[in-house]
């Protein structure tokens, strides 16, 4: 388990709690959608995409028949993804749309960096004849 897991879980909980507090203050039923959407967004980015990044060296060769050897460079998009989640949650907590948007942009960039790293590693593995 990564060192970031605990803080991300705590911030995700606090972000959801603050959204719920705002929903109660609004006294409108539609306000309760914000905590749910905030929690699902943090969960998707922080957990689901981390699992995709972590399991890609096993899944991609099986599905696409393309070798993707593990290399430490694959930590770069993961670190960027975790930073993006932290920025996004900070934007939620501070109710700062620009910060929240920056977190979303960083998450998209992390996906592109991951695809670039995976393509580079797959191409290098094919060029060098790596059986993985």
Protein backbone atom coordinates (compact mmCIF):
# COMPACT_ATOMS: atom_id res chain seq x y z
CA UNK A 1 0.00 0.00 0.00
CA UNK A 2 1.36 3.43 -0.85
CA UNK A 3 2.10 6.19 1.65
CA UNK A 4 -0.46 8.36 -0.13
CA UNK A 5 -3.35 5.98 0.55
CA UNK A 6 -4.11 7.27 4.06
CA UNK A 7 -4.04 10.99 3.23
CA UNK A 8 -6.07 10.45 0.05
CA UNK A 9 -8.70 8.50 1.95
CA UNK A 10 -8.84 11.17 4.68
CA UNK A 11 -9.09 14.01 2.17
CA UNK A 12 -11.71 12.15 0.16
CA UNK A 13 -13.74 11.65 3.33
CA UNK A 14 -13.36 15.31 4.36
CA UNK A 15 -14.26 16.51 0.87
CA UNK A 16 -17.40 14.40 0.90
CA UNK A 17 -18.26 15.56 4.42
CA UNK A 18 -17.89 19.22 3.48
CA UNK A 19 -20.06 18.73 0.40
CA UNK A 20 -22.67 17.03 2.57
CA UNK A 21 -22.54 19.95 5.02
CA UNK A 22 -23.18 22.36 2.13
CA UNK A 23 -26.06 20.22 0.90
CA UNK A 24 -27.70 20.35 4.34
CA UNK A 25 -27.24 24.13 4.45
CA UNK A 26 -28.94 24.51 1.05
CA UNK A 27 -32.01 22.61 2.27
CA UNK A 28 -32.58 21.30 -1.25
CA UNK A 29 -32.60 17.65 -2.29
CA UNK A 30 -30.44 18.28 -5.39
CA UNK A 31 -27.63 19.49 -3.11
CA UNK A 32 -27.04 15.91 -1.96
CA UNK A 33 -25.75 15.00 -5.42
CA UNK A 34 -22.52 16.97 -4.82
CA UNK A 35 -21.11 14.72 -2.06
CA UNK A 36 -21.92 11.63 -4.09
CA UNK A 37 -20.31 13.02 -7.24
CA UNK A 38 -17.26 14.28 -5.32
CA UNK A 39 -16.74 10.91 -3.65
CA UNK A 40 -17.21 8.98 -6.92
CA UNK A 41 -14.76 11.29 -8.72
CA UNK A 42 -12.04 10.92 -6.08
CA UNK A 43 -12.64 7.18 -5.91
CA UNK A 44 -12.47 6.78 -9.68
CA UNK A 45 -9.32 8.84 -10.12
CA UNK A 46 -7.53 7.78 -6.97
CA UNK A 47 -8.31 4.10 -6.89
CA UNK A 48 -9.65 2.82 -10.20
CA UNK A 49 -7.12 4.58 -12.42
CA UNK A 50 -4.29 3.59 -10.05
CA UNK A 51 -5.38 -0.03 -10.48
CA UNK A 52 -5.43 0.37 -14.26
CA UNK A 53 -1.91 1.81 -14.20
CA UNK A 54 -0.70 -0.91 -11.83
CA UNK A 55 -2.17 -3.84 -13.74
CA UNK A 56 -1.42 -2.65 -17.28
CA UNK A 57 1.84 -4.63 -17.58
CA UNK A 58 -0.21 -7.80 -17.00
CA UNK A 59 -3.47 -6.92 -18.78
CA UNK A 60 -2.19 -5.26 -21.97
CA UNK A 61 -0.03 -8.20 -23.09
CA UNK A 62 -2.93 -10.58 -22.50
CA UNK A 63 -5.56 -8.45 -24.24
CA UNK A 64 -3.60 -6.69 -26.98
CA UNK A 65 -0.82 -9.25 -27.38
CA UNK A 66 1.68 -6.43 -26.91
CA UNK A 67 4.56 -6.89 -24.50
CA UNK A 68 4.72 -4.25 -21.79
CA UNK A 69 7.61 -4.90 -19.43
CA UNK A 70 7.58 -3.24 -16.04
CA UNK A 71 10.01 -0.35 -15.74
CA UNK A 72 10.30 2.29 -12.98
CA UNK A 73 9.29 5.01 -15.47
CA UNK A 74 5.70 3.75 -15.02
CA UNK A 75 5.71 5.41 -11.59
CA UNK A 76 5.81 8.86 -13.24
CA UNK A 77 2.20 8.85 -14.50
CA UNK A 78 1.06 7.26 -11.22
CA UNK A 79 2.73 10.02 -9.18
CA UNK A 80 1.19 12.64 -11.47
CA UNK A 81 -2.23 10.99 -11.07
CA UNK A 82 -1.96 11.07 -7.27
CA UNK A 83 -0.91 14.73 -7.41
CA UNK A 84 -3.92 15.42 -9.63
CA UNK A 85 -6.28 13.78 -7.14
CA UNK A 86 -4.77 15.82 -4.30
CA UNK A 87 -5.18 19.06 -6.27
CA UNK A 88 -8.73 18.14 -7.26
CA UNK A 89 -9.73 17.32 -3.67
CA UNK A 90 -8.06 20.53 -2.44
CA UNK A 91 -10.15 22.42 -4.97
CA UNK A 92 -13.28 20.69 -3.69
CA UNK A 93 -12.42 21.49 -0.08
CA UNK A 94 -11.66 25.12 -0.85
CA UNK A 95 -14.59 25.47 -3.27
CA UNK A 96 -12.05 26.81 -5.78
CA UNK A 97 -13.18 26.01 -9.30
CA UNK A 98 -9.82 26.92 -10.86
CA UNK A 99 -7.96 24.52 -8.54
CA UNK A 100 -10.50 21.75 -9.15
CA UNK A 101 -10.14 22.28 -12.90
CA UNK A 102 -6.34 22.17 -12.61
CA UNK A 103 -6.67 18.81 -10.84
CA UNK A 104 -8.81 17.50 -13.68
CA UNK A 105 -6.31 18.74 -16.25
CA UNK A 106 -3.44 17.09 -14.39
CA UNK A 107 -5.40 13.83 -14.33
CA UNK A 108 -5.87 13.97 -18.09
CA UNK A 109 -2.17 14.70 -18.55
CA UNK A 110 -1.30 11.72 -16.34
CA UNK A 111 -3.39 9.48 -18.62
CA UNK A 112 -1.57 10.79 -21.68
CA UNK A 113 1.80 10.33 -19.97
CA UNK A 114 0.81 6.76 -19.10
CA UNK A 115 -0.19 5.99 -22.70
CA UNK A 116 3.08 7.52 -23.91
CA UNK A 117 5.16 5.50 -21.44
CA UNK A 118 3.29 2.29 -22.28
CA UNK A 119 3.74 2.84 -26.03
CA UNK A 120 7.43 3.61 -25.58
CA UNK A 121 8.02 0.52 -23.42
CA UNK A 122 6.04 -1.74 -25.74
CA UNK A 123 7.94 -0.47 -28.77
CA UNK A 124 11.28 -0.84 -26.99
CA UNK A 125 10.36 -4.38 -25.88
CA UNK A 126 9.47 -5.32 -29.45
CA UNK A 127 12.68 -3.74 -30.78
CA UNK A 128 14.88 -5.47 -28.20
CA UNK A 129 13.02 -8.78 -28.47
CA UNK A 130 11.91 -8.76 -24.82
CA UNK A 131 9.47 -11.69 -24.42
CA UNK A 132 7.35 -9.91 -21.78
